[in-house]
N, C-alpha and C. Protein backbone atom coordinates (compact mmCIF):
# COMPACT_ATOMS: atom_id res chain seq x y z
N UNK A 1 0.84 -1.19 0.00
CA UNK A 1 0.00 0.00 0.00
C UNK A 1 0.88 1.25 0.00
N UNK A 2 0.53 2.22 -0.85
CA UNK A 2 1.34 3.42 -0.99
C UNK A 2 1.25 4.28 0.27
N UNK A 3 2.35 4.94 0.56
CA UNK A 3 2.39 5.85 1.71
C UNK A 3 1.46 7.04 1.46
N UNK A 4 0.59 7.31 2.41
CA UNK A 4 -0.34 8.43 2.27
C UNK A 4 0.41 9.76 2.38
N UNK A 5 0.09 10.66 1.47
CA UNK A 5 0.74 11.97 1.48
C UNK A 5 0.15 12.85 2.58
N UNK A 6 0.99 13.63 3.25
CA UNK A 6 0.47 14.53 4.27
C UNK A 6 -0.41 15.61 3.64
N UNK A 7 -1.39 16.14 4.38
CA UNK A 7 -2.27 17.17 3.83
C UNK A 7 -1.51 18.45 3.47
N UNK A 8 -0.39 18.67 4.15
CA UNK A 8 0.46 19.83 3.86
C UNK A 8 1.90 19.46 4.24
N UNK A 9 2.84 19.97 3.48
CA UNK A 9 4.25 19.72 3.77
C UNK A 9 4.57 20.32 5.15
N UNK A 10 5.03 19.50 6.11
CA UNK A 10 5.33 20.03 7.44
C UNK A 10 6.36 21.15 7.42
N UNK A 11 7.26 21.14 6.42
CA UNK A 11 8.25 22.22 6.33
C UNK A 11 7.60 23.56 5.99
N UNK A 12 6.46 23.52 5.30
CA UNK A 12 5.74 24.77 5.01
C UNK A 12 5.17 25.37 6.30
N UNK A 13 4.70 24.49 7.19
CA UNK A 13 4.19 24.97 8.48
C UNK A 13 5.34 25.58 9.28
N UNK A 14 6.48 24.89 9.25
CA UNK A 14 7.67 25.41 9.93
C UNK A 14 8.05 26.77 9.36
N UNK A 15 8.02 26.89 8.04
CA UNK A 15 8.37 28.15 7.37
C UNK A 15 7.41 29.27 7.77
N UNK A 16 6.14 28.94 7.92
CA UNK A 16 5.13 29.96 8.26
C UNK A 16 5.39 30.59 9.62
N UNK A 17 6.11 29.87 10.50
CA UNK A 17 6.39 30.43 11.82
C UNK A 17 7.34 31.61 11.76
N UNK A 18 8.22 31.64 10.77
CA UNK A 18 9.26 32.67 10.73
C UNK A 18 8.71 34.10 10.67
N UNK A 19 7.73 34.40 9.80
CA UNK A 19 7.21 35.78 9.82
C UNK A 19 6.27 36.07 10.99
N UNK A 20 5.71 35.04 11.61
CA UNK A 20 4.77 35.26 12.71
C UNK A 20 5.44 35.89 13.92
N UNK A 21 6.68 35.49 14.20
CA UNK A 21 7.37 35.99 15.39
C UNK A 21 7.65 37.49 15.29
N UNK A 22 8.25 37.98 14.20
CA UNK A 22 8.44 39.43 14.09
C UNK A 22 7.12 40.20 14.12
N UNK A 23 6.08 39.62 13.51
CA UNK A 23 4.77 40.27 13.53
C UNK A 23 4.24 40.39 14.96
N UNK A 24 4.45 39.35 15.76
CA UNK A 24 4.03 39.39 17.16
C UNK A 24 4.75 40.51 17.90
N UNK A 25 6.04 40.69 17.60
CA UNK A 25 6.81 41.74 18.26
C UNK A 25 6.30 43.12 17.85
N UNK A 26 5.95 43.28 16.57
CA UNK A 26 5.39 44.55 16.10
C UNK A 26 4.15 44.91 16.93
N UNK A 27 3.25 43.95 17.09
CA UNK A 27 2.04 44.21 17.87
C UNK A 27 2.36 44.43 19.35
N UNK A 28 3.29 43.64 19.88
CA UNK A 28 3.65 43.75 21.29
C UNK A 28 4.18 45.13 21.62
N UNK A 29 5.03 45.65 20.76
CA UNK A 29 5.68 46.94 21.05
C UNK A 29 4.75 48.13 20.80
N UNK A 30 3.55 47.89 20.28
CA UNK A 30 2.55 48.96 20.21
C UNK A 30 2.10 49.35 21.62
N UNK A 31 2.21 48.38 22.54
CA UNK A 31 1.83 48.58 23.94
C UNK A 31 0.42 49.14 24.10
N UNK A 32 -0.48 48.57 23.29
CA UNK A 32 -1.91 48.83 23.43
C UNK A 32 -2.58 47.53 23.82
N UNK A 33 -3.81 47.62 24.30
CA UNK A 33 -4.54 46.39 24.67
C UNK A 33 -4.66 45.47 23.46
N UNK A 34 -5.07 46.03 22.34
CA UNK A 34 -5.22 45.22 21.12
C UNK A 34 -3.89 44.62 20.70
N UNK A 35 -2.84 45.43 20.73
CA UNK A 35 -1.53 44.95 20.32
C UNK A 35 -1.05 43.79 21.18
N UNK A 36 -1.21 43.90 22.49
CA UNK A 36 -0.76 42.85 23.41
C UNK A 36 -1.59 41.58 23.20
N UNK A 37 -2.89 41.72 23.02
CA UNK A 37 -3.75 40.55 22.80
C UNK A 37 -3.38 39.85 21.49
N UNK A 38 -3.19 40.62 20.42
CA UNK A 38 -2.82 40.01 19.13
C UNK A 38 -1.46 39.33 19.24
N UNK A 39 -0.52 39.97 19.92
CA UNK A 39 0.81 39.37 20.11
C UNK A 39 0.70 38.06 20.86
N UNK A 40 -0.15 38.03 21.89
CA UNK A 40 -0.34 36.80 22.67
C UNK A 40 -0.94 35.69 21.81
N UNK A 41 -1.89 36.03 20.95
CA UNK A 41 -2.50 35.04 20.05
C UNK A 41 -1.46 34.51 19.07
N UNK A 42 -0.63 35.40 18.53
CA UNK A 42 0.42 34.97 17.60
C UNK A 42 1.46 34.10 18.31
N UNK A 43 1.79 34.44 19.55
CA UNK A 43 2.74 33.61 20.31
C UNK A 43 2.17 32.21 20.54
N UNK A 44 0.87 32.13 20.81
CA UNK A 44 0.23 30.83 20.97
C UNK A 44 0.23 30.07 19.65
N UNK A 45 -0.03 30.77 18.57
CA UNK A 45 -0.03 30.14 17.25
C UNK A 45 1.34 29.57 16.90
N UNK A 46 2.40 30.28 17.31
CA UNK A 46 3.76 29.78 17.09
C UNK A 46 3.97 28.43 17.75
N UNK A 47 3.51 28.29 18.99
CA UNK A 47 3.69 27.02 19.71
C UNK A 47 2.81 25.92 19.12
N UNK A 48 1.59 26.26 18.74
CA UNK A 48 0.68 25.25 18.17
C UNK A 48 1.20 24.74 16.83
N UNK A 49 1.71 25.63 16.00
CA UNK A 49 2.25 25.19 14.70
C UNK A 49 3.51 24.36 14.89
N UNK A 50 4.26 24.65 15.96
CA UNK A 50 5.44 23.84 16.27
C UNK A 50 5.03 22.41 16.57
N UNK A 51 3.94 22.26 17.33
CA UNK A 51 3.44 20.91 17.62
C UNK A 51 2.87 20.25 16.37
N UNK A 52 2.19 21.06 15.54
CA UNK A 52 1.51 20.51 14.37
C UNK A 52 2.48 19.99 13.32
N UNK A 53 3.55 20.75 13.03
CA UNK A 53 4.46 20.29 11.98
C UNK A 53 5.14 18.98 12.36
N UNK A 54 5.48 18.86 13.65
CA UNK A 54 6.10 17.61 14.11
C UNK A 54 5.15 16.43 14.05
N UNK A 55 3.90 16.68 14.43
CA UNK A 55 2.90 15.60 14.42
C UNK A 55 2.65 15.11 12.99
N UNK A 56 2.50 16.05 12.05
CA UNK A 56 2.27 15.66 10.65
C UNK A 56 3.47 14.89 10.11
N UNK A 57 4.67 15.38 10.41
CA UNK A 57 5.88 14.71 9.91
C UNK A 57 5.95 13.27 10.42
N UNK A 58 5.63 13.08 11.70
CA UNK A 58 5.69 11.72 12.28
C UNK A 58 4.55 10.84 11.78
N UNK A 59 3.34 11.38 11.79
CA UNK A 59 2.16 10.58 11.41
C UNK A 59 2.20 10.11 9.97
N UNK A 60 2.79 10.93 9.09
CA UNK A 60 2.81 10.59 7.67
C UNK A 60 4.20 10.15 7.21
N UNK A 61 5.07 9.87 8.18
CA UNK A 61 6.42 9.43 7.86
C UNK A 61 7.09 10.39 6.88
N UNK A 62 6.91 11.70 7.17
CA UNK A 62 7.45 12.74 6.28
C UNK A 62 8.62 13.47 6.93
N UNK A 63 9.28 12.79 7.86
CA UNK A 63 10.45 13.39 8.51
C UNK A 63 11.60 13.42 7.51
N UNK A 64 12.22 14.58 7.36
CA UNK A 64 13.33 14.73 6.41
C UNK A 64 14.56 15.26 7.14
N UNK A 65 15.73 15.06 6.52
CA UNK A 65 16.96 15.60 7.10
C UNK A 65 16.88 17.13 7.18
N UNK A 66 16.30 17.73 6.16
CA UNK A 66 16.14 19.19 6.17
C UNK A 66 15.23 19.62 7.32
N UNK A 67 14.12 18.91 7.49
CA UNK A 67 13.17 19.24 8.55
C UNK A 67 13.77 19.10 9.94
N UNK A 68 14.66 18.13 10.10
CA UNK A 68 15.31 17.92 11.41
C UNK A 68 16.16 19.12 11.81
N UNK A 69 16.67 19.83 10.81
CA UNK A 69 17.47 21.03 11.08
C UNK A 69 16.61 22.29 11.07
N UNK A 70 15.63 22.32 10.16
CA UNK A 70 14.81 23.51 9.98
C UNK A 70 13.90 23.76 11.18
N UNK A 71 13.34 22.70 11.75
CA UNK A 71 12.40 22.87 12.86
C UNK A 71 13.07 23.50 14.09
N UNK A 72 14.21 22.96 14.55
CA UNK A 72 14.84 23.63 15.71
C UNK A 72 15.34 25.03 15.40
N UNK A 73 15.76 25.27 14.14
CA UNK A 73 16.15 26.63 13.76
C UNK A 73 14.96 27.57 13.89
N UNK A 74 13.81 27.13 13.36
CA UNK A 74 12.62 27.95 13.40
C UNK A 74 12.18 28.20 14.85
N UNK A 75 12.29 27.17 15.69
CA UNK A 75 11.95 27.34 17.11
C UNK A 75 12.82 28.41 17.75
N UNK A 76 14.14 28.29 17.55
CA UNK A 76 15.07 29.24 18.16
C UNK A 76 14.85 30.65 17.61
N UNK A 77 14.65 30.76 16.30
CA UNK A 77 14.41 32.05 15.66
C UNK A 77 13.16 32.71 16.24
N UNK A 78 12.08 31.92 16.32
CA UNK A 78 10.80 32.46 16.77
C UNK A 78 10.84 32.87 18.24
N UNK A 79 11.35 31.98 19.07
CA UNK A 79 11.37 32.29 20.51
C UNK A 79 12.32 33.44 20.82
N UNK A 80 13.48 33.45 20.18
CA UNK A 80 14.42 34.53 20.46
C UNK A 80 13.85 35.86 20.00
N UNK A 81 13.12 35.87 18.88
CA UNK A 81 12.46 37.10 18.42
C UNK A 81 11.46 37.58 19.47
N UNK A 82 10.68 36.65 20.02
CA UNK A 82 9.72 37.03 21.07
C UNK A 82 10.44 37.58 22.30
N UNK A 83 11.57 36.96 22.66
CA UNK A 83 12.33 37.43 23.81
C UNK A 83 12.86 38.86 23.57
N UNK A 84 13.26 39.15 22.34
CA UNK A 84 13.69 40.51 22.02
C UNK A 84 12.53 41.50 22.21
N UNK A 85 11.34 41.07 21.82
CA UNK A 85 10.17 41.91 22.02
C UNK A 85 9.90 42.14 23.50
N UNK A 86 10.07 41.11 24.30
CA UNK A 86 9.86 41.24 25.75
C UNK A 86 10.91 42.16 26.35
N UNK A 87 12.13 42.10 25.82
CA UNK A 87 13.17 43.04 26.27
C UNK A 87 12.78 44.47 25.91
N UNK A 88 12.25 44.65 24.70
CA UNK A 88 11.90 45.98 24.22
C UNK A 88 10.85 46.66 25.10
N UNK A 89 9.96 45.85 25.70
CA UNK A 89 8.92 46.45 26.54
C UNK A 89 9.26 46.37 28.03
N UNK A 90 10.47 45.91 28.35
CA UNK A 90 10.93 45.93 29.74
C UNK A 90 10.60 44.72 30.58
N UNK A 91 10.11 43.65 29.96
CA UNK A 91 9.78 42.44 30.71
C UNK A 91 11.03 41.59 30.95
N UNK A 92 11.97 41.64 30.02
CA UNK A 92 13.22 40.88 30.14
C UNK A 92 14.38 41.85 30.27
N UNK A 93 15.40 41.43 31.02
CA UNK A 93 16.62 42.24 31.16
C UNK A 93 17.59 41.87 30.04
N UNK A 94 18.51 42.78 29.76
CA UNK A 94 19.48 42.55 28.69
C UNK A 94 20.31 41.30 28.94
N UNK A 95 20.71 41.05 30.19
CA UNK A 95 21.55 39.89 30.47
C UNK A 95 20.82 38.59 30.18
N UNK A 96 19.48 38.60 30.33
CA UNK A 96 18.69 37.40 30.02
C UNK A 96 18.75 37.10 28.52
N UNK A 97 18.57 38.15 27.72
CA UNK A 97 18.60 37.99 26.26
C UNK A 97 19.98 37.51 25.82
N UNK A 98 21.01 38.10 26.42
CA UNK A 98 22.37 37.70 26.08
C UNK A 98 22.62 36.24 26.43
N UNK A 99 22.16 35.81 27.61
CA UNK A 99 22.37 34.43 28.05
C UNK A 99 21.70 33.45 27.09
N UNK A 100 20.48 33.77 26.67
CA UNK A 100 19.75 32.88 25.76
C UNK A 100 20.45 32.83 24.40
N UNK A 101 20.88 33.99 23.92
CA UNK A 101 21.57 34.04 22.63
C UNK A 101 22.90 33.27 22.68
N UNK A 102 23.68 33.49 23.75
CA UNK A 102 24.96 32.82 23.87
C UNK A 102 24.79 31.32 23.98
N UNK A 103 23.77 30.87 24.67
CA UNK A 103 23.54 29.43 24.79
C UNK A 103 23.28 28.81 23.42
N UNK A 104 22.34 29.40 22.65
CA UNK A 104 21.99 28.82 21.36
C UNK A 104 23.17 28.89 20.38
N UNK A 105 23.90 30.01 20.40
CA UNK A 105 25.06 30.14 19.51
C UNK A 105 26.14 29.13 19.87
N UNK A 106 26.35 28.94 21.16
CA UNK A 106 27.39 28.01 21.62
C UNK A 106 27.05 26.57 21.24
N UNK A 107 25.80 26.17 21.44
CA UNK A 107 25.41 24.80 21.11
C UNK A 107 25.54 24.57 19.61
N UNK A 108 25.18 25.57 18.81
CA UNK A 108 25.37 25.46 17.35
C UNK A 108 26.84 25.27 17.01
N UNK A 109 27.70 26.02 17.71
CA UNK A 109 29.14 25.89 17.49
C UNK A 109 29.63 24.50 17.89
N UNK A 110 29.18 24.01 19.05
CA UNK A 110 29.59 22.67 19.49
C UNK A 110 29.22 21.63 18.44
N UNK A 111 28.01 21.75 17.90
CA UNK A 111 27.54 20.78 16.90
C UNK A 111 28.34 20.89 15.61
N UNK A 112 28.71 22.10 15.24
CA UNK A 112 29.50 22.28 14.02
C UNK A 112 30.88 21.67 14.17
N UNK A 113 31.51 21.92 15.32
CA UNK A 113 32.82 21.33 15.58
C UNK A 113 32.73 19.81 15.54
N UNK A 114 31.71 19.27 16.20
CA UNK A 114 31.53 17.82 16.23
C UNK A 114 31.33 17.26 14.82
N UNK A 115 30.55 17.99 14.00
CA UNK A 115 30.27 17.52 12.64
C UNK A 115 31.54 17.44 11.81
N UNK A 116 32.49 18.35 12.04
CA UNK A 116 33.76 18.29 11.30
C UNK A 116 34.56 17.05 11.65
N UNK A 117 34.21 16.44 12.76
CA UNK A 117 34.89 15.22 13.19
C UNK A 117 33.99 13.99 13.04
N UNK A 118 32.91 14.16 12.25
CA UNK A 118 31.94 13.08 11.99
C UNK A 118 31.31 12.56 13.28
N UNK A 119 31.09 13.47 14.21
CA UNK A 119 30.41 13.13 15.46
C UNK A 119 29.11 13.91 15.50
N UNK A 120 28.04 13.23 15.90
CA UNK A 120 26.74 13.90 16.02
C UNK A 120 26.46 14.13 17.50
N UNK A 121 26.23 15.39 17.85
CA UNK A 121 25.82 15.70 19.23
C UNK A 121 24.30 15.63 19.27
N UNK A 122 23.82 14.57 19.87
CA UNK A 122 22.37 14.35 19.92
C UNK A 122 21.72 15.34 20.87
N UNK A 123 20.41 15.51 20.69
CA UNK A 123 19.66 16.37 21.61
C UNK A 123 19.75 15.78 23.01
N UNK A 124 20.09 16.62 23.96
CA UNK A 124 20.22 16.19 25.34
C UNK A 124 18.92 16.47 26.08
N UNK A 125 18.73 15.77 27.19
CA UNK A 125 17.52 15.96 27.98
C UNK A 125 17.37 17.42 28.41
N UNK A 126 18.49 18.06 28.74
CA UNK A 126 18.42 19.45 29.17
C UNK A 126 17.90 20.36 28.05
N UNK A 127 18.24 20.02 26.81
CA UNK A 127 17.76 20.79 25.68
C UNK A 127 16.26 20.64 25.50
N UNK A 128 15.77 19.43 25.71
CA UNK A 128 14.33 19.20 25.59
C UNK A 128 13.58 19.92 26.70
N UNK A 129 14.13 19.86 27.91
CA UNK A 129 13.51 20.57 29.04
C UNK A 129 13.53 22.07 28.78
N UNK A 130 14.66 22.57 28.29
CA UNK A 130 14.78 23.99 27.97
C UNK A 130 13.71 24.42 26.98
N UNK A 131 13.50 23.62 25.94
CA UNK A 131 12.50 23.94 24.91
C UNK A 131 11.10 24.01 25.51
N UNK A 132 10.78 23.05 26.38
CA UNK A 132 9.45 23.04 27.01
C UNK A 132 9.29 24.26 27.92
N UNK A 133 10.31 24.53 28.73
CA UNK A 133 10.24 25.67 29.65
C UNK A 133 10.12 26.98 28.89
N UNK A 134 10.87 27.12 27.79
CA UNK A 134 10.76 28.34 26.99
C UNK A 134 9.37 28.46 26.36
N UNK A 135 8.87 27.36 25.82
CA UNK A 135 7.55 27.39 25.18
C UNK A 135 6.44 27.71 26.16
N UNK A 136 6.42 26.99 27.28
CA UNK A 136 5.38 27.21 28.30
C UNK A 136 5.58 28.57 28.97
N UNK A 137 6.83 28.89 29.27
CA UNK A 137 7.12 30.17 29.92
C UNK A 137 6.67 31.35 29.08
N UNK A 138 6.92 31.28 27.79
CA UNK A 138 6.50 32.36 26.90
C UNK A 138 4.99 32.55 26.95
N UNK A 139 4.26 31.43 26.95
CA UNK A 139 2.80 31.52 27.01
C UNK A 139 2.33 32.15 28.32
N UNK A 140 2.95 31.75 29.43
CA UNK A 140 2.59 32.32 30.72
C UNK A 140 2.86 33.82 30.73
N UNK A 141 4.01 34.22 30.20
CA UNK A 141 4.35 35.65 30.16
C UNK A 141 3.32 36.43 29.35
N UNK A 142 2.94 35.92 28.19
CA UNK A 142 1.98 36.65 27.37
C UNK A 142 0.60 36.69 28.03
N UNK A 143 0.23 35.63 28.72
CA UNK A 143 -1.05 35.64 29.44
C UNK A 143 -1.02 36.71 30.54
N UNK A 144 0.10 36.81 31.26
CA UNK A 144 0.20 37.82 32.31
C UNK A 144 0.19 39.23 31.72
N UNK A 145 0.79 39.40 30.53
CA UNK A 145 0.78 40.72 29.89
C UNK A 145 -0.63 41.13 29.50
N UNK A 146 -1.40 40.16 28.99
CA UNK A 146 -2.80 40.45 28.66
C UNK A 146 -3.56 40.77 29.94
N UNK A 147 -3.32 39.98 30.99
CA UNK A 147 -3.98 40.23 32.28
C UNK A 147 -3.65 41.61 32.82
N UNK A 148 -2.39 42.03 32.65
CA UNK A 148 -1.95 43.35 33.13
C UNK A 148 -2.71 44.47 32.44
N UNK A 149 -3.04 44.25 31.15
CA UNK A 149 -3.79 45.27 30.42
C UNK A 149 -5.19 45.47 31.01
N UNK A 150 -5.78 44.38 31.51
CA UNK A 150 -7.14 44.47 32.04
C UNK A 150 -7.18 44.68 33.55
N UNK A 151 -6.09 44.29 34.25
CA UNK A 151 -6.02 44.47 35.70
C UNK A 151 -4.68 45.12 36.07
N UNK A 152 -4.52 46.40 35.74
CA UNK A 152 -3.25 47.07 36.02
C UNK A 152 -2.95 47.20 37.51
N UNK A 153 -3.96 46.93 38.35
CA UNK A 153 -3.75 47.01 39.80
C UNK A 153 -2.98 45.80 40.34
N UNK A 154 -2.89 44.73 39.55
CA UNK A 154 -2.19 43.52 39.99
C UNK A 154 -0.73 43.58 39.51
N UNK A 155 0.19 43.04 40.32
CA UNK A 155 1.62 43.09 39.95
C UNK A 155 2.01 41.99 38.95
N UNK A 156 1.27 41.91 37.86
CA UNK A 156 1.51 40.83 36.91
C UNK A 156 2.82 41.04 36.14
N UNK A 157 3.29 42.29 36.04
CA UNK A 157 4.56 42.51 35.37
C UNK A 157 5.71 41.86 36.14
N UNK A 158 5.57 41.82 37.46
CA UNK A 158 6.57 41.14 38.29
C UNK A 158 6.53 39.64 38.05
N UNK A 159 5.34 39.10 37.88
CA UNK A 159 5.19 37.67 37.58
C UNK A 159 5.85 37.35 36.24
N UNK A 160 5.60 38.20 35.25
CA UNK A 160 6.18 37.98 33.92
C UNK A 160 7.71 37.98 33.99
N UNK A 161 8.27 38.93 34.74
CA UNK A 161 9.73 39.00 34.88
C UNK A 161 10.26 37.75 35.58
N UNK A 162 9.54 37.29 36.61
CA UNK A 162 9.95 36.09 37.33
C UNK A 162 9.96 34.86 36.45
N UNK A 163 8.96 34.74 35.60
CA UNK A 163 8.91 33.60 34.66
C UNK A 163 10.07 33.70 33.68
N UNK A 164 10.37 34.90 33.23
CA UNK A 164 11.50 35.10 32.31
C UNK A 164 12.81 34.73 32.99
N UNK A 165 12.90 35.00 34.27
CA UNK A 165 14.10 34.62 35.03
C UNK A 165 14.25 33.10 35.05
N UNK A 166 13.15 32.39 35.31
CA UNK A 166 13.19 30.93 35.32
C UNK A 166 13.60 30.40 33.94
N UNK A 167 13.02 30.96 32.89
CA UNK A 167 13.36 30.55 31.51
C UNK A 167 14.86 30.73 31.28
N UNK A 168 15.40 31.87 31.72
CA UNK A 168 16.82 32.15 31.50
C UNK A 168 17.71 31.19 32.28
N UNK A 169 17.37 30.93 33.52
CA UNK A 169 18.19 30.03 34.35
C UNK A 169 18.19 28.60 33.80
N UNK A 170 17.03 28.14 33.34
CA UNK A 170 16.97 26.80 32.74
C UNK A 170 17.79 26.76 31.45
N UNK A 171 17.75 27.84 30.68
CA UNK A 171 18.53 27.94 29.45
C UNK A 171 20.03 27.89 29.76
N UNK A 172 20.45 28.59 30.81
CA UNK A 172 21.86 28.56 31.22
C UNK A 172 22.28 27.18 31.69
N UNK A 173 21.40 26.51 32.42
CA UNK A 173 21.69 25.14 32.87
C UNK A 173 21.88 24.23 31.66
N UNK A 174 21.05 24.43 30.64
CA UNK A 174 21.18 23.61 29.43
C UNK A 174 22.51 23.87 28.74
N UNK A 175 22.95 25.13 28.74
CA UNK A 175 24.27 25.45 28.16
C UNK A 175 25.37 24.67 28.89
N UNK A 176 25.35 24.71 30.21
CA UNK A 176 26.38 24.02 31.01
C UNK A 176 26.37 22.53 30.69
N UNK A 177 25.18 21.95 30.61
CA UNK A 177 25.05 20.52 30.32
C UNK A 177 25.62 20.18 28.94
N UNK A 178 25.28 20.99 27.94
CA UNK A 178 25.80 20.75 26.59
C UNK A 178 27.31 20.95 26.53
N UNK A 179 27.80 21.96 27.27
CA UNK A 179 29.23 22.23 27.25
C UNK A 179 30.01 21.03 27.78
N UNK A 180 29.62 20.53 28.95
CA UNK A 180 30.34 19.39 29.51
C UNK A 180 30.11 18.12 28.71
N UNK A 181 28.93 17.99 28.12
CA UNK A 181 28.68 16.83 27.26
C UNK A 181 29.50 16.86 25.99
N UNK A 182 29.82 18.07 25.51
CA UNK A 182 30.59 18.23 24.27
C UNK A 182 32.09 18.34 24.52
N UNK A 183 32.48 18.43 25.77
CA UNK A 183 33.88 18.71 26.10
C UNK A 183 34.87 17.73 25.48
N UNK A 184 34.61 16.41 25.49
CA UNK A 184 35.58 15.49 24.88
C UNK A 184 35.87 15.81 23.41
N UNK A 185 34.83 16.05 22.62
CA UNK A 185 35.05 16.32 21.19
C UNK A 185 35.66 17.70 21.00
N UNK A 186 35.32 18.65 21.87
CA UNK A 186 35.92 19.98 21.77
C UNK A 186 37.42 19.92 22.09
N UNK A 187 37.78 19.17 23.11
CA UNK A 187 39.20 19.01 23.47
C UNK A 187 39.97 18.35 22.33
N UNK A 188 39.35 17.33 21.77
CA UNK A 188 40.01 16.60 20.68
C UNK A 188 40.22 17.52 19.48
N UNK A 189 39.20 18.32 19.15
CA UNK A 189 39.31 19.24 18.02
C UNK A 189 40.33 20.33 18.30
N UNK A 190 40.37 20.81 19.54
CA UNK A 190 41.31 21.87 19.94
C UNK A 190 42.75 21.40 19.77
N UNK A 191 42.99 20.14 20.12
CA UNK A 191 44.37 19.60 20.10
C UNK A 191 44.80 19.13 18.72
N UNK A 192 43.84 18.94 17.83
CA UNK A 192 44.14 18.41 16.50
C UNK A 192 44.73 19.52 15.62
N UNK A 193 46.01 19.37 15.27
CA UNK A 193 46.65 20.35 14.40
C UNK A 193 46.67 19.90 12.94
N UNK A 194 46.02 18.77 12.67
CA UNK A 194 45.96 18.29 11.30
C UNK A 194 47.22 17.59 10.85
N UNK A 195 47.19 17.15 9.61
CA UNK A 195 48.35 16.44 9.06
C UNK A 195 49.45 17.44 8.72
N UNK A 196 50.71 17.04 8.98
CA UNK A 196 51.86 17.88 8.60
C UNK A 196 52.37 17.46 7.23
């Protein structure tokens, strides 16, 4: 029996996430009730499409080598864009944004170094936990921002900052875990001076 074709290419769903994140930031930085609500809806849509593209790829056996790289890139692009928006409106501190950026850049570097040595650095448990915490944390932050618009008497901005702090600390923990997990291949690559 022929393999059933997916109703839509999962990579197209992944691709659709890329413009949604900057659009969410545009609405977020309007700092109006409508803007914050629309940004929150777009942030939710980003997470739902992330779940959808993976489900379609698995259910229809449409997992591709390109998709394995494109999906995590799209996740990092989208979430980091949202974090920049949160920084722009004062919910996140600069050091938090820097920590998240440095973690993702470093892990990409570790994987590139490993690939030059024909070693694959598999996804670690800390990376999976980090992804869940970032995804859920982002949703909580946007919900609190919407709540703040309707109940400015409540200290929901403090809650949003606290959630962002947790997201950042978990991200830093993931960096440490990946660093020590990659240390053997990094040491080997550092010491390798090539053929003379």
